[in-house]
Amino acid sequence: MWYVSTRGMAPRVDFEGALFSGYAPDGGLFMPEELPHLDRETLRAWSTLSYPGLVKELCALFIGPELIPRDDLHGTSGDTGSAAIESVQGAKNVDIIVLLPKGHCSKIQELQMTTVLKENVHVFGVEGTSDELDEPIKAVFADAAFARQHNLLSLNSINWARVLVQMAHHFYAYFQCAASLDTHPLPPVEVVVPTGAAGNVTAGCIAQKMGLPIRLVVAVNRNDIIHRAVQQGDFSLSAAVTPTLASAMDIQVPYNMERIFWLLSGSDSQVTRALMEQFEKTQGLKLPKELHSKLSEAVTSESVSDAAITQTMRRCWDENRYLLCPHSAVAVSCHYRQTAGQQPSSVPQCCLAPASAAKFPEAVLAAGLSPETPAEILALEHKETRCTMMRREDDWTLMLRATVEDISRRWGSHPLPASQ
């Protein structure tokens, strides 16, 4: 399996090359050169697998056994910063740098990252939004020689490996919800995806291309660039990011849409490169008519207000005694809207839930509900924290580069930048 850049100006790489990278050297994102197609019998065989079993089967399709033996393909996906820290804290020969948007994630999310005091964990609190903290990461990876010298890779959905693992969400959802796999054609299932940087939606689009009969609904908060792109072909920045209760989705630059544009344009890197260069230059883009049509066929979309988020959280608790996180509530709000229609769809619908409500007590309280906080999370309040500030007046790219150089100099280790 080979991987190519969505912008077509970088050499193709194997999975190892895609894994140990961030952006491709030409500024694009890595995608599989070809996608396998899954027949009915494969899907039937996969339908009995556990979630980890599905992850293993999917990874085996995209990772050569000479790189990672099949029996070693066990791991999943999580909340980027804290999951990445958990996976490598205290490890030898690897350091991790995490950039978190100070004041734009919940207190508990922040504590999960800043209370890890291992020497190989370096957490920065950025005085900016998630979009803004991505800029120094992209700048560092744009220096291909620097990235190679220090063995850098990115652990958010810039990295193909993150999108690969997220594909399992869609297969698992389908097998849980499909009435039968004995009919022809296979029955569709609608998957509602709460969306920020669009990695999970990209995973769903790839699953569609591989033969999984899912329909995708992109559910966003008031930061609605993807919704506008689907509805109107308008892929343009708003004046500013709007803070919402679903803070992890407060994103205006959903960089994975580049992968979707490439996928829907028939892997046309020239078209994709022209579109993304125009977007980066002007911060606005009117999608070509054909691409907009294909995007509208691949996904539908909805935008959800904070009021709808809290109403959804209350309703789900009242009806099911299930406490939704605000991001999950964005998806469930779309489900409630559809079921309230005059002619509800007969297609089974699944809402992806990206996080535990325990991480967002502020949103739970805003919904008039009582947070259910596990003891291990309550204990975070009493732990020592460590976090270096990246202030507005600082040169964030320079600070990031200096940190990488300092780590390499002191430990001879291989730092892994990740954004949260």
Protein backbone atom coordinates (compact mmCIF):
# COMPACT_ATOMS: atom_id res chain seq x y z
CA MET A 1 0.00 0.00 0.00
CA TRP A 2 1.41 3.34 -1.10
CA TYR A 3 0.40 6.79 0.05
CA VAL A 4 0.35 9.98 -2.01
CA SER A 5 -0.09 13.64 -1.18
CA THR A 6 -3.42 15.25 -1.98
CA ARG A 7 -1.45 17.98 -3.76
CA GLY A 8 0.54 15.59 -5.95
CA MET A 9 3.94 17.27 -5.63
CA ALA A 10 5.58 14.93 -3.09
CA PRO A 11 7.02 11.44 -3.62
CA ARG A 12 4.76 8.58 -2.66
CA VAL A 13 5.57 6.80 0.61
CA ASP A 14 4.73 3.54 2.34
CA PHE A 15 2.74 3.40 5.60
CA GLU A 16 5.86 4.06 7.65
CA GLY A 17 6.51 7.20 5.64
CA ALA A 18 2.92 8.38 6.11
CA LEU A 19 2.97 7.54 9.82
CA PHE A 20 6.22 9.33 10.58
CA SER A 21 5.08 12.60 9.10
CA GLY A 22 2.61 15.41 9.50
CA TYR A 23 1.74 17.32 6.38
CA ALA A 24 3.34 16.06 3.19
CA PRO A 25 6.35 18.09 2.01
CA ASP A 26 4.16 19.89 -0.55
CA GLY A 27 1.68 20.99 2.13
CA GLY A 28 -0.87 18.31 1.30
CA LEU A 29 -2.14 15.37 3.33
CA PHE A 30 -1.31 11.72 2.73
CA MET A 31 -4.00 9.39 1.35
CA PRO A 32 -3.89 5.78 0.13
CA GLU A 33 -3.03 5.64 -3.57
CA GLU A 34 -5.76 3.02 -4.03
CA LEU A 35 -8.66 1.94 -1.85
CA PRO A 36 -9.57 -1.75 -1.45
CA HIS A 37 -13.17 -2.67 -2.23
CA LEU A 38 -14.93 -4.93 0.27
CA ASP A 39 -17.39 -7.45 -1.12
CA ARG A 40 -20.52 -8.70 0.61
CA GLU A 41 -18.83 -11.81 2.00
CA THR A 42 -16.06 -9.77 3.61
CA LEU A 43 -18.60 -7.46 5.21
CA ARG A 44 -20.60 -10.47 6.46
CA ALA A 45 -17.45 -11.95 8.00
CA TRP A 46 -16.55 -8.64 9.63
CA SER A 47 -20.04 -8.15 11.05
CA THR A 48 -19.36 -10.59 13.91
CA LEU A 49 -16.10 -8.95 14.99
CA SER A 50 -15.55 -6.90 18.12
CA TYR A 51 -14.55 -3.24 17.78
CA PRO A 52 -10.82 -4.04 18.33
CA GLY A 53 -11.19 -6.87 15.82
CA LEU A 54 -12.48 -4.43 13.20
CA VAL A 55 -9.59 -2.06 13.89
CA LYS A 56 -7.18 -4.94 13.29
CA GLU A 57 -8.80 -5.98 10.00
CA LEU A 58 -8.86 -2.42 8.68
CA CYS A 59 -5.27 -1.75 9.69
CA ALA A 60 -4.17 -4.97 7.99
CA LEU A 61 -5.56 -3.65 4.69
CA PHE A 62 -3.51 -0.46 4.85
CA ILE A 63 -0.30 -1.53 6.63
CA GLY A 64 2.10 -4.00 5.08
CA PRO A 65 2.86 -7.04 7.29
CA GLU A 66 6.56 -6.39 6.76
CA LEU A 67 6.12 -3.07 8.65
CA ILE A 68 3.79 -4.22 11.44
CA PRO A 69 3.02 -7.93 11.80
CA ARG A 70 -0.69 -8.66 11.79
CA ASP A 71 -0.69 -9.94 15.38
CA ASP A 72 0.74 -6.62 16.59
CA LEU A 73 -2.15 -4.55 15.22
CA HIS A 74 -3.97 -3.91 18.50
CA GLY A 75 -4.66 -0.13 19.60
CA THR A 76 -7.42 2.42 19.12
CA SER A 77 -8.17 6.16 19.00
CA GLY A 78 -8.92 8.67 21.76
CA ASP A 79 -9.04 12.33 22.80
CA THR A 80 -5.94 13.46 20.91
CA GLY A 81 -3.83 15.17 23.57
CA SER A 82 -4.56 13.03 26.61
CA ALA A 83 -4.63 9.75 24.66
CA ALA A 84 -1.30 10.53 23.02
CA ILE A 85 0.26 11.48 26.35
CA GLU A 86 -1.07 8.31 27.97
CA SER A 87 0.44 6.16 25.23
CA VAL A 88 4.00 7.48 25.52
CA GLN A 89 4.48 9.04 28.98
CA GLY A 90 7.64 7.74 30.59
CA ALA A 91 8.75 5.96 27.41
CA LYS A 92 12.39 5.94 26.38
CA ASN A 93 13.57 7.52 23.13
CA VAL A 94 10.31 9.37 22.51
CA ASP A 95 9.11 12.79 23.64
CA ILE A 96 5.72 14.34 23.07
CA ILE A 97 4.83 18.01 22.66
CA VAL A 98 1.18 18.92 23.10
CA LEU A 99 -0.32 22.29 22.20
CA LEU A 100 -3.66 22.95 23.88
CA PRO A 101 -5.87 26.00 23.22
CA LYS A 102 -5.81 27.74 26.62
CA GLY A 103 -9.34 28.57 27.71
CA HIS A 104 -10.89 26.78 24.72
CA CYS A 105 -11.10 23.27 26.15
CA SER A 106 -12.73 22.11 29.37
CA LYS A 107 -10.88 22.35 32.68
CA ILE A 108 -10.82 18.57 33.01
CA GLN A 109 -9.39 18.09 29.51
CA GLU A 110 -6.67 20.59 30.39
CA LEU A 111 -5.90 18.88 33.70
CA GLN A 112 -5.62 15.49 32.01
CA MET A 113 -2.73 16.91 30.00
CA THR A 114 -1.06 19.35 32.39
CA THR A 115 -0.91 16.98 35.40
CA VAL A 116 1.39 14.51 33.61
CA LEU A 117 4.84 15.46 34.89
CA LYS A 118 6.98 12.85 33.12
CA GLU A 119 10.17 14.27 31.65
CA ASN A 120 9.22 13.27 28.11
CA VAL A 121 5.89 15.17 28.16
CA HIS A 122 5.92 18.86 27.17
CA VAL A 123 2.59 20.72 27.32
CA PHE A 124 2.06 24.23 25.97
CA GLY A 125 -0.99 26.38 26.64
CA VAL A 126 -1.58 28.52 23.56
CA GLU A 127 -3.36 31.88 23.82
CA GLY A 128 -5.36 31.10 20.71
CA THR A 129 -7.90 28.83 19.08
CA SER A 130 -7.45 25.29 17.77
CA ASP A 131 -7.06 26.71 14.26
CA GLU A 132 -4.35 29.10 15.41
CA LEU A 133 -2.30 26.49 17.24
CA ASP A 134 -2.26 24.35 14.09
CA GLU A 135 -0.32 27.10 12.29
CA PRO A 136 3.07 26.63 14.06
CA ILE A 137 2.72 22.84 13.72
CA LYS A 138 2.17 23.19 9.98
CA ALA A 139 5.10 25.62 9.76
CA VAL A 140 7.43 23.17 11.50
CA PHE A 141 6.43 20.30 9.22
CA ALA A 142 6.78 22.55 6.16
CA ASP A 143 10.52 22.46 6.86
CA ALA A 144 10.97 18.91 5.60
CA ALA A 145 14.68 18.79 6.46
CA PHE A 146 13.98 19.86 10.06
CA ALA A 147 11.20 17.28 10.41
CA ARG A 148 13.47 14.50 9.12
CA GLN A 149 16.40 15.60 11.27
CA HIS A 150 14.36 15.38 14.46
CA ASN A 151 12.10 12.45 13.45
CA LEU A 152 8.86 14.38 13.89
CA LEU A 153 5.35 13.07 13.45
CA SER A 154 1.93 14.50 14.21
CA LEU A 155 -0.64 12.59 16.25
CA ASN A 156 -3.84 14.44 15.38
CA SER A 157 -5.89 13.69 12.25
CA ILE A 158 -3.31 15.42 10.09
CA ASN A 159 -1.76 11.96 10.37
CA TRP A 160 -3.30 9.31 8.12
CA ALA A 161 -3.05 6.70 10.90
CA ARG A 162 -5.62 8.60 13.00
CA VAL A 163 -8.12 8.63 10.12
CA LEU A 164 -7.46 4.95 9.44
CA VAL A 165 -8.42 3.94 12.98
CA GLN A 166 -11.52 6.18 12.89
CA MET A 167 -12.83 4.16 9.94
CA ALA A 168 -13.64 1.41 12.44
CA HIS A 169 -16.29 3.67 14.04
CA HIS A 170 -18.30 3.57 10.83
CA PHE A 171 -18.00 -0.16 10.21
CA TYR A 172 -18.91 -0.95 13.81
CA ALA A 173 -21.88 1.44 13.69
CA TYR A 174 -23.10 -0.13 10.50
CA PHE A 175 -22.94 -3.68 11.80
CA GLN A 176 -24.72 -2.68 15.00
CA CYS A 177 -27.57 -0.97 13.15
CA ALA A 178 -28.11 -2.82 9.87
CA ALA A 179 -31.21 -4.99 10.07
CA SER A 180 -29.75 -7.81 7.95
CA LEU A 181 -26.81 -8.49 5.67
CA ASP A 182 -28.82 -11.09 3.73
CA THR A 183 -30.68 -8.58 1.54
CA HIS A 184 -29.60 -7.33 -1.85
CA PRO A 185 -28.51 -4.62 -2.05
CA LEU A 186 -27.21 -4.31 1.51
CA PRO A 187 -29.42 -2.02 3.63
CA PRO A 188 -28.19 1.55 4.25
CA VAL A 189 -27.48 3.02 7.69
CA GLU A 190 -27.22 6.74 8.39
CA VAL A 191 -24.27 7.82 10.57
CA VAL A 192 -24.38 11.26 12.20
CA VAL A 193 -20.87 12.56 12.84
CA PRO A 194 -20.13 15.47 15.22
CA THR A 195 -17.51 17.32 13.25
CA GLY A 196 -14.63 19.71 13.86
CA ALA A 197 -11.49 19.10 11.78
CA ALA A 198 -13.44 16.50 9.72
CA GLY A 199 -11.15 13.52 10.33
CA ASN A 200 -14.03 11.26 11.35
CA VAL A 201 -16.13 12.33 8.36
CA THR A 202 -13.17 11.66 6.08
CA ALA A 203 -12.99 8.16 7.56
CA GLY A 204 -16.68 7.71 6.76
CA CYS A 205 -16.24 8.90 3.17
CA ILE A 206 -13.41 6.40 2.69
CA ALA A 207 -15.59 3.63 4.16
CA GLN A 208 -18.30 4.58 1.64
CA LYS A 209 -15.79 4.31 -1.21
CA MET A 210 -14.75 0.88 0.07
CA GLY A 211 -18.32 -0.37 -0.23
CA LEU A 212 -19.88 0.24 3.19
CA PRO A 213 -23.49 1.39 2.53
CA ILE A 214 -23.62 4.29 4.97
CA ARG A 215 -25.12 7.73 4.57
CA LEU A 216 -23.23 10.48 6.36
CA VAL A 217 -24.61 13.49 8.21
CA VAL A 218 -22.08 16.16 9.18
CA ALA A 219 -23.20 17.73 12.46
CA VAL A 220 -21.43 20.99 13.36
CA ASN A 221 -21.91 23.69 15.97
CA ARG A 222 -22.12 27.39 15.12
CA ASN A 223 -18.71 27.19 13.45
CA ASP A 224 -20.37 26.05 10.26
CA ILE A 225 -17.87 26.21 7.40
CA ILE A 226 -18.50 22.56 6.45
CA HIS A 227 -22.28 23.03 6.65
CA ARG A 228 -22.03 26.03 4.31
CA ALA A 229 -19.79 24.06 1.96
CA VAL A 230 -22.31 21.21 1.76
CA GLN A 231 -25.39 23.41 1.46
CA GLN A 232 -24.08 26.27 -0.69
CA GLY A 233 -20.61 25.35 -1.93
CA ASP A 234 -19.22 28.13 0.28
CA PHE A 235 -15.94 27.01 1.87
CA SER A 236 -14.99 30.34 3.43
CA LEU A 237 -13.91 31.51 6.85
CA SER A 238 -16.27 33.47 9.06
CA ALA A 239 -15.06 36.66 10.74
CA ALA A 240 -14.00 34.70 13.85
CA VAL A 241 -14.33 31.39 15.66
CA THR A 242 -17.49 31.32 17.78
CA PRO A 243 -16.94 29.80 21.26
CA THR A 244 -19.55 27.10 21.97
CA LEU A 245 -20.30 24.42 24.54
CA ALA A 246 -18.89 21.87 22.07
CA SER A 247 -15.45 23.45 22.35
CA ALA A 248 -13.45 20.74 20.56
CA MET A 249 -15.50 21.54 17.44
CA ASP A 250 -14.79 25.27 17.54
CA ILE A 251 -12.80 25.05 14.33
CA GLN A 252 -12.89 27.21 11.21
CA VAL A 253 -10.19 25.43 9.22
CA PRO A 254 -11.27 21.76 8.94
CA TYR A 255 -8.08 20.62 7.26
CA ASN A 256 -9.36 17.12 6.49
CA MET A 257 -11.79 18.58 3.96
CA GLU A 258 -8.76 18.61 1.66
CA ARG A 259 -8.78 14.81 1.80
CA ILE A 260 -12.51 14.77 1.01
CA PHE A 261 -12.10 17.17 -1.92
CA TRP A 262 -9.32 14.93 -3.27
CA LEU A 263 -11.41 11.79 -2.80
CA LEU A 264 -14.51 13.26 -4.46
CA SER A 265 -12.57 14.77 -7.36
CA GLY A 266 -11.37 11.32 -8.40
CA SER A 267 -7.96 11.67 -6.71
CA ASP A 268 -7.23 14.75 -8.83
CA SER A 269 -4.27 16.31 -7.05
CA GLN A 270 -4.01 19.20 -9.49
CA VAL A 271 -7.58 20.32 -8.78
CA THR A 272 -7.11 19.80 -5.04
CA ARG A 273 -3.86 21.75 -4.95
CA ALA A 274 -5.40 24.69 -6.82
CA LEU A 275 -8.41 24.76 -4.50
CA MET A 276 -6.41 24.61 -1.29
CA GLU A 277 -3.83 27.15 -2.41
CA GLN A 278 -6.66 29.54 -3.24
CA PHE A 279 -8.25 28.90 0.16
CA GLU A 280 -4.97 29.50 1.98
CA LYS A 281 -4.40 32.71 0.03
CA THR A 282 -7.87 34.24 0.20
CA GLN A 283 -9.48 32.34 3.14
CA GLY A 284 -12.49 31.84 0.91
CA LEU A 285 -13.47 29.37 -1.76
CA LYS A 286 -16.50 28.75 -3.97
CA LEU A 287 -16.49 25.05 -4.73
CA PRO A 288 -16.67 24.09 -8.41
CA LYS A 289 -20.19 23.00 -9.35
CA GLU A 290 -19.25 19.36 -9.98
CA LEU A 291 -17.33 19.04 -6.71
CA HIS A 292 -20.15 20.69 -4.75
CA SER A 293 -22.62 18.26 -6.30
CA LYS A 294 -20.49 15.26 -5.32
CA LEU A 295 -20.03 16.62 -1.78
CA SER A 296 -23.80 17.07 -1.41
CA GLU A 297 -24.34 13.50 -2.61
CA ALA A 298 -21.75 12.09 -0.20
CA VAL A 299 -22.96 13.89 2.95
CA THR A 300 -25.77 16.00 4.32
CA SER A 301 -25.23 18.52 7.09
CA GLU A 302 -26.75 20.47 9.95
CA SER A 303 -25.58 23.26 12.26
CA VAL A 304 -26.60 23.17 15.94
CA SER A 305 -26.83 26.04 18.43
CA ASP A 306 -25.77 25.97 22.08
CA ALA A 307 -29.46 26.13 23.03
CA ALA A 308 -30.11 22.99 20.99
CA ILE A 309 -27.12 21.30 22.61
CA THR A 310 -28.42 21.86 26.16
CA GLN A 311 -31.99 20.94 25.16
CA THR A 312 -30.70 17.71 23.66
CA MET A 313 -28.65 16.87 26.73
CA ARG A 314 -31.71 17.37 28.96
CA ARG A 315 -34.01 15.37 26.70
CA CYS A 316 -31.60 12.45 26.42
CA TRP A 317 -31.23 12.39 30.20
CA ASP A 318 -34.99 12.61 30.79
CA GLU A 319 -35.82 9.89 28.27
CA ASN A 320 -32.85 7.54 28.62
CA ARG A 321 -30.96 8.50 31.78
CA TYR A 322 -27.91 8.84 29.53
CA LEU A 323 -25.63 11.83 30.01
CA LEU A 324 -24.39 13.15 26.67
CA CYS A 325 -21.25 15.21 26.27
CA PRO A 326 -21.91 18.46 24.36
CA HIS A 327 -20.21 17.15 21.23
CA SER A 328 -22.29 13.97 21.21
CA ALA A 329 -25.34 16.19 21.76
CA VAL A 330 -24.64 18.01 18.49
CA ALA A 331 -25.14 14.70 16.67
CA VAL A 332 -28.14 13.59 18.74
CA SER A 333 -29.78 16.99 18.18
CA CYS A 334 -29.76 16.23 14.44
CA HIS A 335 -31.36 12.87 15.17
CA TYR A 336 -34.10 14.49 17.24
CA ARG A 337 -34.81 16.98 14.47
CA GLN A 338 -35.24 14.21 11.91
CA THR A 339 -37.44 12.04 14.09
CA ALA A 340 -39.68 15.06 14.74
CA GLY A 341 -40.42 15.35 11.02
CA GLN A 342 -43.72 14.44 9.43
CA GLN A 343 -42.22 11.45 7.66
CA PRO A 344 -39.33 10.07 9.72
CA SER A 345 -36.76 8.12 7.72
CA SER A 346 -37.05 4.34 7.71
CA VAL A 347 -33.26 4.09 7.51
CA PRO A 348 -31.63 3.18 10.85
CA GLN A 349 -29.59 6.04 12.26
CA CYS A 350 -26.53 6.00 14.52
CA CYS A 351 -24.96 9.00 16.26
CA LEU A 352 -21.26 8.84 16.99
CA ALA A 353 -20.39 9.94 20.54
CA PRO A 354 -16.79 11.22 20.71
CA ALA A 355 -16.35 11.82 24.44
CA SER A 356 -17.58 11.25 27.98
CA ALA A 357 -19.74 13.90 29.61
CA ALA A 358 -17.44 13.61 32.63
CA LYS A 359 -14.92 15.79 30.78
CA PHE A 360 -17.40 18.64 30.34
CA PRO A 361 -19.05 19.44 33.70
CA GLU A 362 -19.48 23.07 32.66
CA ALA A 363 -21.72 22.05 29.75
CA VAL A 364 -23.60 19.55 31.91
CA LEU A 365 -24.35 22.29 34.42
CA ALA A 366 -25.41 24.65 31.61
CA ALA A 367 -27.96 22.02 30.62
CA GLY A 368 -29.37 22.05 34.16
CA LEU A 369 -28.07 18.57 34.91
CA SER A 370 -25.75 17.17 37.56
CA PRO A 371 -22.27 16.08 36.45
CA GLU A 372 -21.25 12.50 37.20
CA THR A 373 -17.52 12.82 37.84
CA PRO A 374 -15.44 9.67 38.45
CA ALA A 375 -13.08 9.70 41.41
CA GLU A 376 -9.98 9.55 39.21
CA ILE A 377 -11.06 12.73 37.46
CA LEU A 378 -11.88 14.49 40.72
CA ALA A 379 -8.37 13.62 41.86
CA LEU A 380 -6.90 15.70 39.03
CA GLU A 381 -7.90 18.87 40.91
CA HIS A 382 -5.33 18.12 43.61
CA LYS A 383 -2.39 17.25 41.35
CA GLU A 384 0.54 19.45 40.48
CA THR A 385 0.38 20.91 36.98
CA ARG A 386 3.02 21.90 34.45
CA CYS A 387 2.30 23.97 31.37
CA THR A 388 4.36 26.48 29.39
CA MET A 389 2.42 29.41 27.98
CA MET A 390 2.58 30.46 24.34
CA ARG A 391 1.34 34.03 24.57
CA ARG A 392 0.00 36.18 21.77
CA GLU A 393 3.19 38.21 21.60
CA ASP A 394 5.40 35.10 21.36
CA ASP A 395 6.66 33.52 18.14
CA TRP A 396 4.96 30.12 18.49
CA THR A 397 6.81 28.51 15.61
CA LEU A 398 10.15 29.60 17.04
CA MET A 399 9.19 28.27 20.48
CA LEU A 400 8.13 24.93 18.99
CA ARG A 401 11.32 24.59 16.96
CA ALA A 402 13.45 25.53 19.97
CA THR A 403 11.71 22.93 22.13
CA VAL A 404 12.28 20.21 19.53
CA GLU A 405 15.95 21.17 19.22
CA ASP A 406 16.40 21.26 22.99
CA ILE A 407 14.85 17.82 23.43
CA SER A 408 17.05 16.32 20.72
CA ARG A 409 20.12 17.97 22.19
CA ARG A 410 19.48 16.89 25.78
CA TRP A 411 18.14 13.39 25.28
CA GLY A 412 18.95 12.34 21.76
CA SER A 413 15.29 11.35 21.62
CA HIS A 414 12.69 11.68 18.92
CA PRO A 415 9.95 14.19 19.80
CA LEU A 416 6.44 13.80 18.50
CA PRO A 417 4.47 17.04 18.11
CA ALA A 418 0.74 16.60 18.58
CA SER A 419 -1.98 19.20 18.66
CA GLN A 420 -5.11 19.13 20.82
